[in-house]
Amino acid sequence: METPHLTPEQEYINLQMHVSEAMVADGPRFQDANPMSSYVLHWRLHEAMRRLDHADPTIPRDSKILILCASDGLEGTALADLGWSNITVSDLSQTAANTAVLRDPRLKAMVLNAEDSGLPRDAYDIVLIQDGLHHLQRPVQGFTEMLRIASRAVIFMEPHQSVVGRRIGTEWEIHGDAVNYVFRWSKRLVQDVASSYLGRDSFQNLSFSFWHHNPVFYKIGRRLGSGTFAITCLRVLKGTLDVLLSSSGNSMCGMVLKNKPAIKAS
């Protein structure tokens, strides 16, 4: 029996799925319980949710949240620890999805293609992805798919299209046989894509750029003792860079908050 011929798109998806499976082949990814390591790992996600809550405090903690390209669901656990109670993580890999719910029973999991989920419009309140859009063959389509299936907010963390990001950032990411281009975003690009897809006066663009690089911050924190002093120093360093040089930051959070439909007078 002949092996069915795969299109280039199917081959790309299969390679990315194998990368995800390899990441969890020996069980859940290591998550250091050290407070300094936890601060570095989760700062981006915590800051994004803090800003979302500030922009719209009426969003309830039991909102339906979908996390795409989640591997074994560490982002889902971070949100659950913040008090969010209705979280579904998804990945191309069934193995990764199974690992996520075994690791953290608070999570639900499913297999999804982030570029074409098959979910109905407005299926979830909040749709989030961290370091996943640049693994897609069509990152912009992945973003518009998030806009389609989210009823209130879309959040993603990705490399920033800044001078620093272009000069020192990775251009091509290689994981075994899987090679993907590191697509970089800007607040202007978020505005353009969301405007084209959602239409005029339909959303708020709350995107922001910042400085964050896990390996570098881990190294600095360890040299400072990995304790409270290290966390304080990292906060001061990040705070200074983010205030004075935020537009040059290597990372960004794309955040779109959809406007609530106006209530028609009876």
Protein backbone atom coordinates (compact mmCIF):
# COMPACT_ATOMS: atom_id res chain seq x y z
CA MET A 1 0.00 0.00 0.00
CA GLU A 2 1.44 3.37 -1.05
CA THR A 3 2.12 6.02 1.56
CA PRO A 4 -0.20 8.99 0.91
CA HIS A 5 1.59 11.99 -0.56
CA LEU A 6 1.81 14.90 1.87
CA THR A 7 1.57 18.51 0.79
CA PRO A 8 4.37 20.87 1.92
CA GLU A 9 1.91 22.33 4.47
CA GLN A 10 1.17 18.87 5.92
CA GLU A 11 4.87 18.05 6.07
CA TYR A 12 5.54 21.30 7.94
CA ILE A 13 2.76 20.57 10.43
CA ASN A 14 4.05 17.03 10.99
CA LEU A 15 7.56 18.29 11.69
CA GLN A 16 6.24 20.81 14.25
CA MET A 17 4.12 18.09 15.86
CA HIS A 18 7.18 15.85 16.20
CA VAL A 19 9.07 18.72 17.87
CA SER A 20 6.26 19.08 20.40
CA GLU A 21 6.21 15.34 21.05
CA ALA A 22 9.97 15.27 21.52
CA MET A 23 9.72 18.04 24.13
CA VAL A 24 7.47 15.88 26.33
CA ALA A 25 8.88 12.46 25.41
CA ASP A 26 10.35 12.03 28.88
CA GLY A 27 7.39 13.56 30.69
CA PRO A 28 6.51 17.19 31.49
CA ARG A 29 9.11 19.86 30.84
CA PHE A 30 11.22 20.80 33.83
CA GLN A 31 9.74 23.65 35.83
CA ASP A 32 12.08 25.03 38.44
CA ALA A 33 10.20 25.81 41.66
CA ASN A 34 12.82 28.40 42.62
CA PRO A 35 11.05 31.81 43.02
CA MET A 36 13.62 33.56 40.84
CA SER A 37 13.23 31.04 38.02
CA SER A 38 9.46 31.21 38.32
CA TYR A 39 9.60 35.02 38.11
CA VAL A 40 11.64 34.88 34.90
CA LEU A 41 9.50 32.15 33.34
CA HIS A 42 6.10 33.70 34.06
CA TRP A 43 6.71 37.47 34.08
CA ARG A 44 5.41 38.01 30.54
CA LEU A 45 2.20 36.10 31.16
CA HIS A 46 1.57 37.73 34.54
CA GLU A 47 2.14 41.21 33.10
CA ALA A 48 -0.18 40.56 30.15
CA MET A 49 -3.01 39.39 32.40
CA ARG A 50 -2.45 42.30 34.79
CA ARG A 51 -2.83 44.75 31.91
CA LEU A 52 -5.90 42.96 30.60
CA ASP A 53 -7.51 43.11 34.04
CA HIS A 54 -6.67 46.82 34.28
CA ALA A 55 -8.18 47.50 30.84
CA ASP A 56 -11.39 45.61 31.61
CA PRO A 57 -11.89 44.62 35.27
CA THR A 58 -15.29 43.14 34.39
CA ILE A 59 -13.76 40.09 32.69
CA PRO A 60 -14.55 37.27 35.16
CA ARG A 61 -12.03 34.71 36.41
CA ASP A 62 -14.18 31.88 35.08
CA SER A 63 -13.91 33.18 31.51
CA LYS A 64 -13.26 30.46 28.95
CA ILE A 65 -9.57 30.62 28.04
CA LEU A 66 -7.92 28.74 25.17
CA ILE A 67 -4.13 28.48 24.96
CA LEU A 68 -2.75 27.48 21.55
CA CYS A 69 0.59 25.76 20.84
CA ALA A 70 0.70 24.99 24.56
CA SER A 71 2.84 21.82 24.56
CA ASP A 72 2.38 20.39 28.08
CA GLY A 73 0.47 23.42 29.32
CA LEU A 74 2.83 25.38 31.57
CA GLU A 75 1.06 28.62 30.61
CA GLY A 76 -2.25 27.06 31.63
CA THR A 77 -0.87 26.20 35.04
CA ALA A 78 0.45 29.75 35.47
CA LEU A 79 -3.03 31.15 34.72
CA ALA A 80 -4.70 28.66 37.05
CA ASP A 81 -2.30 29.74 39.81
CA LEU A 82 -3.49 33.33 39.20
CA GLY A 83 -7.10 32.28 39.81
CA TRP A 84 -8.39 31.68 36.29
CA SER A 85 -10.56 28.58 36.49
CA ASN A 86 -11.71 27.58 33.00
CA ILE A 87 -8.60 26.86 30.96
CA THR A 88 -8.16 24.67 27.90
CA VAL A 89 -4.70 24.05 26.47
CA SER A 90 -4.17 22.80 22.93
CA ASP A 91 -1.38 21.52 20.75
CA LEU A 92 -0.80 19.69 17.48
CA SER A 93 0.36 16.70 19.51
CA GLN A 94 -2.05 14.39 21.33
CA THR A 95 0.89 13.27 23.47
CA ALA A 96 1.49 16.85 24.64
CA ALA A 97 -2.23 17.36 25.34
CA ASN A 98 -2.37 14.17 27.40
CA THR A 99 0.76 15.17 29.31
CA ALA A 100 -0.76 18.57 30.15
CA VAL A 101 -3.85 17.18 31.91
CA LEU A 102 -1.83 14.48 33.67
CA ARG A 103 0.57 17.13 34.95
CA ASP A 104 -2.18 19.54 36.03
CA PRO A 105 -5.74 18.15 36.43
CA ARG A 106 -7.11 21.71 36.60
CA LEU A 107 -6.60 21.96 32.83
CA LYS A 108 -8.62 20.68 29.90
CA ALA A 109 -6.82 19.79 26.68
CA MET A 110 -7.46 19.17 23.00
CA VAL A 111 -5.60 18.74 19.71
CA LEU A 112 -5.84 21.81 17.47
CA ASN A 113 -4.13 23.37 14.48
CA ALA A 114 -3.61 27.00 15.49
CA GLU A 115 -3.90 28.20 11.87
CA ASP A 116 -7.21 26.42 11.26
CA SER A 117 -8.80 25.31 14.53
CA GLY A 118 -12.20 24.30 13.18
CA LEU A 119 -13.81 25.99 16.19
CA PRO A 120 -16.87 28.23 15.79
CA ARG A 121 -16.53 32.01 15.91
CA ASP A 122 -16.36 33.41 19.47
CA ALA A 123 -15.88 29.90 20.89
CA TYR A 124 -13.73 31.20 23.78
CA ASP A 125 -13.60 34.45 25.74
CA ILE A 126 -9.81 34.79 25.70
CA VAL A 127 -7.37 33.13 23.27
CA LEU A 128 -3.67 33.18 24.15
CA ILE A 129 -0.43 31.93 22.67
CA GLN A 130 3.13 32.27 23.99
CA ASP A 131 6.07 31.81 21.63
CA GLY A 132 3.91 29.86 19.21
CA LEU A 133 2.96 32.14 16.30
CA HIS A 134 6.50 32.11 14.92
CA HIS A 135 6.34 28.31 14.73
CA LEU A 136 3.46 28.54 12.27
CA GLN A 137 3.96 28.58 8.53
CA ARG A 138 1.44 31.46 8.33
CA PRO A 139 1.79 33.51 11.54
CA VAL A 140 -0.62 36.24 10.44
CA GLN A 141 -3.28 33.64 9.67
CA GLY A 142 -2.70 32.21 13.14
CA PHE A 143 -3.37 35.67 14.58
CA THR A 144 -6.56 36.19 12.57
CA GLU A 145 -7.74 32.73 13.64
CA MET A 146 -7.27 33.86 17.26
CA LEU A 147 -9.30 36.99 16.49
CA ARG A 148 -12.04 34.83 14.99
CA ILE A 149 -12.48 32.41 17.87
CA ALA A 150 -12.04 34.92 20.76
CA SER A 151 -15.08 36.89 21.89
CA ARG A 152 -13.26 39.33 24.24
CA ALA A 153 -9.48 39.28 24.02
CA VAL A 154 -6.50 37.93 22.12
CA ILE A 155 -3.02 37.84 23.68
CA PHE A 156 0.27 36.65 22.24
CA MET A 157 3.92 36.89 23.29
CA GLU A 158 6.39 36.97 20.40
CA PRO A 159 9.67 38.56 19.24
CA HIS A 160 9.49 42.31 18.62
CA GLN A 161 10.31 43.98 15.32
CA SER A 162 12.89 46.33 16.79
CA VAL A 163 16.44 47.25 15.81
CA VAL A 164 17.79 45.29 18.79
CA GLY A 165 15.55 42.32 18.06
CA ARG A 166 16.69 42.16 14.45
CA ARG A 167 20.37 42.54 15.31
CA ILE A 168 20.72 40.09 18.18
CA GLY A 169 17.67 37.86 17.75
CA THR A 170 17.54 34.47 16.08
CA GLU A 171 16.38 34.58 12.45
CA TRP A 172 15.87 30.84 11.86
CA GLU A 173 14.93 28.47 14.69
CA ILE A 174 16.05 24.87 14.28
CA HIS A 175 14.66 21.90 16.21
CA GLY A 176 15.93 18.69 14.64
CA ASP A 177 14.46 18.51 11.13
CA ALA A 178 12.00 21.34 11.81
CA VAL A 179 13.15 24.79 10.72
CA ASN A 180 10.98 27.87 11.11
CA TYR A 181 11.46 31.56 10.45
CA VAL A 182 11.26 33.75 13.56
CA PHE A 183 8.50 36.16 12.52
CA ARG A 184 8.64 39.49 14.41
CA TRP A 185 5.72 41.69 15.36
CA SER A 186 5.08 45.35 16.11
CA LYS A 187 2.14 47.26 17.57
CA ARG A 188 1.60 48.79 14.13
CA LEU A 189 1.35 45.35 12.52
CA VAL A 190 -1.15 44.23 15.17
CA GLN A 191 -3.19 47.36 14.42
CA ASP A 192 -3.13 46.77 10.67
CA VAL A 193 -4.08 43.10 10.81
CA ALA A 194 -6.78 43.54 13.46
CA SER A 195 -8.26 46.54 11.63
CA SER A 196 -8.43 44.62 8.37
CA TYR A 197 -10.03 41.60 10.01
CA LEU A 198 -12.31 43.12 12.68
CA GLY A 199 -13.20 46.45 11.12
CA ARG A 200 -13.34 50.04 12.24
CA ASP A 201 -13.79 51.03 15.92
CA SER A 202 -14.20 47.40 16.98
CA PHE A 203 -11.21 46.87 19.29
CA GLN A 204 -8.51 48.38 21.48
CA ASN A 205 -4.87 47.68 20.65
CA LEU A 206 -3.19 47.24 24.04
CA SER A 207 0.05 45.77 22.66
CA PHE A 208 3.32 46.68 24.36
CA SER A 209 7.01 45.93 23.86
CA PHE A 210 9.49 45.07 26.59
CA TRP A 211 12.85 43.54 27.43
CA HIS A 212 12.85 39.87 28.35
CA HIS A 213 15.15 36.97 27.55
CA ASN A 214 14.82 33.90 29.74
CA PRO A 215 18.37 32.43 29.36
CA VAL A 216 20.08 35.79 29.97
CA PHE A 217 17.87 36.63 32.97
CA TYR A 218 18.35 33.14 34.43
CA LYS A 219 22.13 33.59 34.17
CA ILE A 220 22.03 37.03 35.83
CA GLY A 221 19.71 35.77 38.57
CA ARG A 222 21.89 32.77 39.38
CA ARG A 223 24.98 34.97 39.67
CA LEU A 224 23.02 37.10 42.15
CA GLY A 225 22.14 34.10 44.30
CA SER A 226 18.71 33.13 42.88
CA GLY A 227 16.90 34.56 45.91
CA THR A 228 14.91 37.65 46.84
CA PHE A 229 17.87 39.92 46.10
CA ALA A 230 18.17 38.45 42.59
CA ILE A 231 14.45 39.00 41.91
CA THR A 232 14.68 42.60 43.14
CA CYS A 233 17.68 43.29 40.90
CA LEU A 234 15.96 41.76 37.87
CA ARG A 235 12.84 43.84 38.51
CA VAL A 236 14.91 47.02 38.72
CA LEU A 237 16.82 46.10 35.55
CA LYS A 238 13.66 45.24 33.64
CA GLY A 239 11.79 48.26 34.96
CA THR A 240 14.56 50.61 33.90
CA LEU A 241 14.88 49.13 30.41
CA ASP A 242 11.11 48.94 29.91
CA VAL A 243 10.60 52.58 30.90
CA LEU A 244 13.57 54.13 29.13
CA LEU A 245 13.97 51.83 26.10
CA SER A 246 10.70 49.99 25.69
CA SER A 247 10.47 50.69 21.95
CA SER A 248 13.82 48.91 21.50
CA GLY A 249 12.77 45.87 23.52
CA ASN A 250 13.43 42.46 22.04
CA SER A 251 9.98 41.10 22.95
CA MET A 252 6.39 42.21 22.66
CA CYS A 253 2.94 41.28 23.81
CA GLY A 254 0.26 41.61 21.18
CA MET A 255 -3.04 42.32 22.94
CA VAL A 256 -6.38 43.04 21.31
CA LEU A 257 -9.43 43.74 23.45
CA LYS A 258 -12.65 43.60 21.47
CA ASN A 259 -15.17 46.33 22.17
CA LYS A 260 -18.40 45.21 23.76
CA PRO A 261 -21.37 45.59 21.41
CA ALA A 262 -23.51 48.60 22.21
CA ILE A 263 -26.77 47.85 23.98
CA LYS A 264 -29.65 49.01 21.83
CA ALA A 265 -32.34 51.08 23.51
CA SER A 266 -35.71 49.36 23.62
